[in-house]
Protein backbone atom coordinates (compact mmCIF):
# COMPACT_ATOMS: atom_id res chain seq x y z
CA MET A 1 -177.71 395.13 -20.58
CA LEU A 2 -175.98 398.45 -21.27
CA LYS A 3 -172.64 396.54 -21.07
CA LEU A 4 -173.91 394.46 -24.36
CA LEU A 5 -175.22 396.79 -25.94
CA LEU A 6 -172.05 399.09 -25.92
CA VAL A 7 -168.97 396.95 -25.21
CA LEU A 8 -170.06 394.12 -27.55
CA PRO A 9 -169.99 396.23 -30.48
CA LEU A 10 -167.32 397.87 -29.63
CA LEU A 11 -165.71 394.92 -29.21
CA LEU A 12 -166.65 394.04 -33.21
CA LEU A 13 -166.04 396.69 -34.77
CA GLY A 14 -162.38 397.10 -33.08
CA SER A 15 -161.35 393.68 -34.03
CA ILE A 16 -162.85 394.12 -37.70
CA LEU A 17 -160.53 398.17 -37.63
CA ALA A 18 -157.21 396.33 -36.29
CA GLY A 19 -157.49 393.73 -39.11
CA LEU A 20 -157.84 395.92 -41.53
CA GLY A 21 -155.43 397.42 -40.24
CA GLY A 22 -153.24 394.52 -39.91
CA LEU A 23 -153.62 393.81 -43.89
CA VAL A 24 -152.62 397.71 -44.56
CA LEU A 25 -149.59 397.26 -42.11
CA LEU A 26 -148.68 393.66 -43.49
CA PRO A 27 -146.51 394.63 -46.53
CA LEU A 28 -144.39 397.15 -44.35
CA LEU A 29 -144.20 393.75 -41.62
CA ALA A 30 -141.85 392.65 -44.82
CA LEU A 31 -139.61 395.80 -44.00
CA LEU A 32 -138.95 394.46 -40.29
CA PRO A 33 -135.95 392.21 -40.30
CA GLY A 34 -133.84 394.81 -42.61
CA LEU A 35 -134.95 397.30 -39.72
CA ILE A 36 -133.76 395.31 -36.75
CA ALA A 37 -130.80 394.46 -38.47
CA ILE A 38 -130.35 398.76 -38.87
CA GLY A 39 -131.02 398.79 -35.19
CA ALA A 40 -128.76 396.01 -33.93
CA GLY A 41 -126.17 397.78 -36.33
CA ILE A 42 -126.42 401.17 -34.91
CA PHE A 43 -126.91 399.79 -31.07
CA THR A 44 -123.36 397.78 -31.48
CA VAL A 45 -121.97 401.07 -32.82
CA VAL A 46 -123.24 403.31 -29.96
CA LEU A 47 -121.99 400.62 -27.49
CA THR A 48 -118.60 400.29 -28.64
CA LEU A 49 -118.19 404.17 -28.40
CA GLY A 50 -119.90 404.34 -25.40
CA ILE A 51 -117.40 401.57 -23.79
CA LEU A 52 -114.31 403.53 -25.79
CA VAL A 53 -115.22 407.07 -24.13
CA LEU A 54 -115.70 405.18 -21.10
CA MET A 55 -112.16 404.02 -21.00
CA LEU A 56 -110.81 407.12 -22.19
CA ARG A 57 -112.89 408.79 -19.54
CA LEU A 58 -111.11 406.56 -16.85
CA PHE A 59 -108.13 406.55 -18.03
CA GLY A 60 -107.87 410.01 -18.26
CA ALA A 61 -109.25 410.38 -14.36
CA ILE A 62 -106.61 407.68 -13.35
CA LEU A 63 -103.77 410.24 -15.10
CA ILE A 64 -105.42 413.31 -13.71
CA GLY A 65 -105.28 411.62 -9.77
CA VAL A 66 -101.64 409.91 -10.25
CA GLY A 67 -100.61 413.52 -11.83
CA GLY A 68 -101.98 415.15 -9.01
CA LEU A 69 -100.14 412.86 -6.39
CA ALA A 70 -97.30 413.13 -8.73
CA ILE A 71 -96.79 416.73 -8.07
CA GLY A 72 -98.17 416.34 -4.24
CA VAL A 73 -95.16 414.19 -3.56
CA ALA A 74 -92.72 416.62 -5.23
CA GLY A 75 -94.37 419.35 -4.07
CA PHE A 76 -94.15 417.76 0.12
CA ALA A 77 -89.98 416.92 -0.96
CA LEU A 78 -89.72 420.24 -2.06
CA LEU A 79 -90.78 421.56 0.80
CA LEU A 80 -88.78 419.51 3.02
CA ALA A 81 -85.75 419.70 0.23
CA GLY A 82 -86.41 423.86 1.11
CA GLY A 83 -87.11 423.53 4.95
CA ALA A 84 -83.49 421.62 5.06
CA ILE A 85 -81.41 423.99 3.34
CA ALA A 86 -83.12 426.94 5.27
CA LEU A 87 -81.69 425.11 8.54
CA VAL A 88 -78.41 424.58 6.72
CA LEU A 89 -78.47 428.48 5.72
CA GLY A 90 -79.30 429.47 9.47
CA VAL A 91 -76.27 426.70 10.75
CA VAL A 92 -73.99 428.55 8.61
CA LEU A 93 -75.36 432.04 9.69
CA ALA A 94 -75.10 431.25 12.98
CA HIS A 95 -71.76 429.63 12.72
CA LEU A 96 -70.61 433.14 11.76
CA LEU A 97 -72.07 434.93 13.95
CA LEU A 98 -70.64 432.43 16.70
CA PRO A 99 -67.00 434.59 16.77
CA LEU A 100 -68.43 437.19 16.08
CA LEU A 101 -70.51 437.37 19.35
CA LEU A 102 -67.96 436.07 21.38
CA VAL A 103 -65.73 439.05 19.94
CA CYS A 104 -68.22 441.37 20.79
CA GLY A 105 -69.03 439.40 24.27
CA LEU A 106 -65.63 440.02 25.08
CA ILE A 107 -64.91 443.39 24.61
CA TRP A 108 -67.96 444.01 26.39
CA PHE A 109 -66.42 441.95 29.50
CA ILE A 110 -63.91 443.83 29.45
CA ARG A 111 -65.14 447.16 29.42
CA HIS A 112 -67.51 446.24 31.60
CA SER A 113 -65.15 444.74 34.35
CA ALA A 114 -62.12 447.47 33.74
CA ARG A 115 -64.57 450.55 35.48
CA ALA A 116 -64.12 450.82 38.81
CA THR A 117 -66.67 449.61 41.15
CA PRO A 118 -68.43 452.76 43.35
CA PRO A 119 -67.43 452.25 47.12
CA LEU A 120 -70.33 450.71 49.14
CA GLN A 121 -72.61 452.96 50.88
CA VAL A 122 -73.50 452.22 54.35
CA SER A 123 -75.70 454.24 55.50
CA ARG A 124 -75.75 454.78 59.19
CA GLY A 125 -78.84 456.15 59.98
């Protein structure tokens, strides 16, 4: 009973107000196709710029990745080249040092063998 006394009059009043509001806003309905066209144009511009920015960001990321890989490969090659150069320098210096070591070793051997050996002490006890 309470429902019929409250809901029914409110529904009737709401439908009357909706109808009046529709009559007031009906002229604005004529602007709707123009607003839809403007919105579609803005959406197209935003979507195009979004796709371009995405492609630019992807290209930049690929460029940064390839650049990082190139720097890594170059660094690794320089590391190997530096190691090869250090190895060659070591071999060259050892090759130059070898005759000096040989001469010094021979001198030491000659001086060492020229000393008289002390006689063996036999202990009797």
